[in-house]
N, C-alpha and C. Protein backbone atom coordinates (compact mmCIF):
# COMPACT_ATOMS: atom_id res chain seq x y z
N MET A 1 1.05 -1.27 0.10
CA MET A 1 0.30 -0.01 0.10
C MET A 1 0.93 1.22 -0.11
N PRO A 2 0.73 2.18 -0.70
CA PRO A 2 1.53 3.49 -1.11
C PRO A 2 1.25 4.36 0.14
N LYS A 3 2.49 4.97 0.52
CA LYS A 3 2.34 5.93 1.68
C LYS A 3 1.37 7.00 1.25
N LYS A 4 0.93 7.74 2.43
CA LYS A 4 0.04 8.86 2.08
C LYS A 4 0.91 10.19 2.32
N ARG A 5 0.71 10.83 0.86
CA ARG A 5 1.34 12.29 0.86
C ARG A 5 0.31 13.08 1.49
N GLU A 6 0.91 14.24 2.14
CA GLU A 6 0.06 15.11 2.63
C GLU A 6 0.19 16.42 1.68
N ASN A 7 -0.66 16.26 0.49
CA ASN A 7 -0.80 17.51 -0.19
C ASN A 7 0.33 18.17 -0.79
N CYS A 8 1.32 17.15 -1.26
CA CYS A 8 2.74 17.75 -1.47
C CYS A 8 3.01 17.25 -2.97
N ARG A 9 3.58 17.65 -3.76
CA ARG A 9 4.23 17.17 -5.04
C ARG A 9 5.28 16.43 -4.87
N PRO A 10 5.76 15.48 -5.43
CA PRO A 10 7.00 14.80 -5.48
C PRO A 10 8.16 15.52 -5.95
N GLU A 11 7.84 16.39 -6.81
CA GLU A 11 9.12 17.23 -7.54
C GLU A 11 9.89 18.07 -6.31
N CYS A 12 9.34 18.96 -5.67
CA CYS A 12 9.64 19.73 -4.69
C CYS A 12 9.69 19.37 -3.34
N GLY A 13 8.54 18.69 -3.25
CA GLY A 13 8.55 18.34 -1.44
C GLY A 13 8.08 19.43 -0.55
N GLU A 14 7.39 20.60 -1.08
CA GLU A 14 6.70 21.49 -0.23
C GLU A 14 5.26 21.09 -0.04
N ILE A 15 5.01 21.51 1.15
CA ILE A 15 3.57 20.91 1.74
C ILE A 15 2.51 22.28 1.50
N ALA A 16 1.55 22.06 0.69
CA ALA A 16 0.63 23.17 0.61
C ALA A 16 -0.60 22.93 1.56
N THR A 17 -0.93 23.86 2.26
CA THR A 17 -2.26 23.57 3.37
C THR A 17 -3.33 23.94 3.27
N ASN A 18 -3.64 25.09 2.42
CA ASN A 18 -4.76 25.86 2.11
C ASN A 18 -5.22 25.62 0.53
N PRO A 19 -6.16 24.94 0.26
CA PRO A 19 -6.98 24.59 -1.06
C PRO A 19 -7.39 25.76 -1.50
N ASN A 20 -7.16 25.99 -2.87
CA ASN A 20 -7.94 27.28 -3.59
C ASN A 20 -9.47 26.97 -3.87
N LYS A 21 -9.58 25.65 -4.22
CA LYS A 21 -11.27 25.23 -4.42
C LYS A 21 -11.12 24.01 -3.85
N THR A 22 -12.48 23.47 -3.35
CA THR A 22 -12.90 22.49 -3.09
C THR A 22 -14.20 21.82 -3.67
N TRP A 23 -14.13 20.62 -3.53
CA TRP A 23 -15.50 19.90 -3.94
C TRP A 23 -15.94 18.66 -3.70
N GLU A 24 -16.82 18.15 -3.52
CA GLU A 24 -17.26 17.07 -2.62
C GLU A 24 -17.82 15.81 -3.72
N LEU A 25 -17.19 14.95 -3.35
CA LEU A 25 -17.64 13.34 -4.10
C LEU A 25 -18.44 12.43 -3.19
N VAL A 26 -19.26 12.00 -3.65
CA VAL A 26 -20.16 11.04 -2.91
C VAL A 26 -20.09 9.63 -3.25
N ALA A 27 -19.84 8.61 -2.62
CA ALA A 27 -19.59 7.25 -3.08
C ALA A 27 -21.21 6.85 -3.52
N PRO A 28 -21.17 6.26 -4.63
CA PRO A 28 -22.58 5.72 -5.00
C PRO A 28 -23.09 4.68 -4.19
N PHE A 29 -22.49 3.82 -3.51
CA PHE A 29 -22.83 2.69 -2.70
C PHE A 29 -22.30 2.92 -1.42
N PRO A 30 -23.26 2.23 -0.47
CA PRO A 30 -22.69 2.24 1.14
C PRO A 30 -21.85 1.04 1.23
N ASP A 31 -21.10 1.26 2.42
CA ASP A 31 -20.26 0.10 3.08
C ASP A 31 -21.14 -1.04 3.76
N LYS A 32 -20.34 -1.91 4.39
CA LYS A 32 -20.86 -3.01 5.09
C LYS A 32 -21.87 -2.56 6.17
N LYS A 33 -21.92 -1.17 6.71
CA LYS A 33 -22.28 -0.87 7.93
C LYS A 33 -23.36 0.13 7.51
N MET A 34 -23.74 0.16 6.08
CA MET A 34 -24.65 1.06 5.33
C MET A 34 -24.39 2.55 5.84
N ARG A 35 -23.07 2.90 5.60
CA ARG A 35 -22.43 4.30 5.74
C ARG A 35 -22.17 4.87 4.30
N ILE A 36 -22.59 5.99 4.09
CA ILE A 36 -22.15 6.74 2.85
C ILE A 36 -20.87 7.42 2.96
N THR A 37 -19.89 7.55 2.19
CA THR A 37 -18.72 8.03 2.32
C THR A 37 -18.65 9.16 1.37
N ILE A 38 -18.28 10.49 2.06
CA ILE A 38 -18.11 11.63 1.25
C ILE A 38 -16.74 12.08 1.32
N ALA A 39 -16.09 12.17 -0.02
CA ALA A 39 -14.79 12.62 0.24
C ALA A 39 -14.65 14.00 -0.33
N ILE A 40 -14.00 15.12 0.51
CA ILE A 40 -13.75 16.36 -0.03
C ILE A 40 -12.39 16.58 -0.60
N PHE A 41 -12.40 16.80 -1.92
CA PHE A 41 -11.08 17.14 -2.51
C PHE A 41 -10.88 18.68 -2.91
N GLY A 42 -9.49 19.05 -2.99
CA GLY A 42 -9.29 20.50 -3.12
C GLY A 42 -8.12 20.41 -4.30
N MET A 43 -8.25 21.75 -4.87
CA MET A 43 -7.13 22.17 -5.91
C MET A 43 -6.25 23.07 -5.12
N PHE A 44 -4.81 22.58 -5.14
CA PHE A 44 -3.62 23.16 -4.07
C PHE A 44 -2.77 24.04 -5.21
N SER A 45 -2.26 24.84 -4.64
CA SER A 45 -1.15 25.47 -5.31
C SER A 45 0.13 25.68 -4.67
N CYS A 46 1.39 25.04 -5.22
CA CYS A 46 2.64 24.81 -4.46
C CYS A 46 3.12 26.37 -4.11
N PRO A 47 3.48 26.63 -2.79
CA PRO A 47 3.87 27.97 -2.43
C PRO A 47 5.24 28.26 -2.96
N SER A 48 6.07 27.30 -3.22
CA SER A 48 7.79 27.20 -3.75
C SER A 48 7.52 27.33 -5.33
N CYS A 49 7.01 26.36 -6.07
CA CYS A 49 7.17 26.21 -7.66
C CYS A 49 6.17 26.82 -8.05
N GLY A 50 4.81 27.02 -7.66
CA GLY A 50 3.67 27.24 -8.26
C GLY A 50 2.84 26.53 -9.09
N LYS A 51 3.06 25.34 -8.91
CA LYS A 51 2.26 24.21 -9.74
C LYS A 51 1.00 24.06 -8.88
N ASN A 52 -0.14 23.71 -9.69
CA ASN A 52 -1.15 23.28 -9.56
C ASN A 52 -1.66 21.95 -9.25
N PHE A 53 -2.16 21.41 -8.33
CA PHE A 53 -2.55 19.84 -8.26
C PHE A 53 -3.68 19.64 -7.36
N ARG A 54 -4.11 18.20 -7.57
CA ARG A 54 -5.40 17.86 -6.98
C ARG A 54 -4.81 17.21 -5.45
N GLY A 55 -5.93 17.14 -4.43
CA GLY A 55 -5.51 16.34 -3.50
C GLY A 55 -6.69 16.22 -2.58
N LEU A 56 -6.51 15.10 -1.65
CA LEU A 56 -7.75 14.89 -0.76
C LEU A 56 -7.69 15.90 0.15
N VAL A 57 -8.62 16.59 0.87
CA VAL A 57 -8.80 17.53 2.14
C VAL A 57 -9.18 16.68 3.19
N SER A 58 -10.26 16.09 3.02
CA SER A 58 -10.90 15.10 4.28
C SER A 58 -11.80 14.09 3.76
N LYS A 59 -12.09 13.17 4.74
CA LYS A 59 -13.07 11.91 4.20
C LYS A 59 -14.18 11.82 5.51
N ALA A 60 -15.53 11.65 5.13
CA ALA A 60 -16.48 11.59 6.16
C ALA A 60 -17.36 10.59 6.01
N LYS A 61 -17.86 9.70 6.76
CA LYS A 61 -18.92 8.68 6.41
C LYS A 61 -20.11 9.01 7.44
N LEU A 62 -21.05 8.93 6.80
CA LEU A 62 -22.35 9.41 7.21
C LEU A 62 -23.18 8.29 7.51
N GLY A 63 -23.77 7.99 8.63
CA GLY A 63 -24.48 6.68 8.81
C GLY A 63 -25.41 7.08 10.05
N ALA A 64 -26.08 5.99 10.47
CA ALA A 64 -27.25 6.11 11.41
C ALA A 64 -26.72 6.74 12.63
N GLU A 65 -25.50 6.10 13.19
CA GLU A 65 -24.88 6.55 14.46
C GLU A 65 -24.37 7.94 14.43
N GLY A 66 -24.16 8.44 13.30
CA GLY A 66 -23.70 9.90 13.23
C GLY A 66 -22.54 10.01 12.30
N ILE A 67 -21.95 11.15 12.38
CA ILE A 67 -20.77 11.10 11.50
C ILE A 67 -19.43 10.89 11.92
N LYS A 68 -18.62 10.05 11.01
CA LYS A 68 -17.17 10.03 11.59
C LYS A 68 -16.31 10.35 10.45
N VAL A 69 -15.29 10.96 11.01
CA VAL A 69 -14.45 11.89 10.16
C VAL A 69 -13.26 10.99 9.90
């Protein structure tokens, strides 16, 4: 399983923290516990080299018990 990169590009290795734009993606099917997964993606801009890239901001699972982040 690949290591998780925290919103950085492999070329320069700088970490971008604030996304320029965000959007939500809802999973079409629930998991075994009947929870719906919502992923929030963002468009980031590298502070050192200025390249734009997409990355995962956060995930949330919605179910009968409540919200799990």
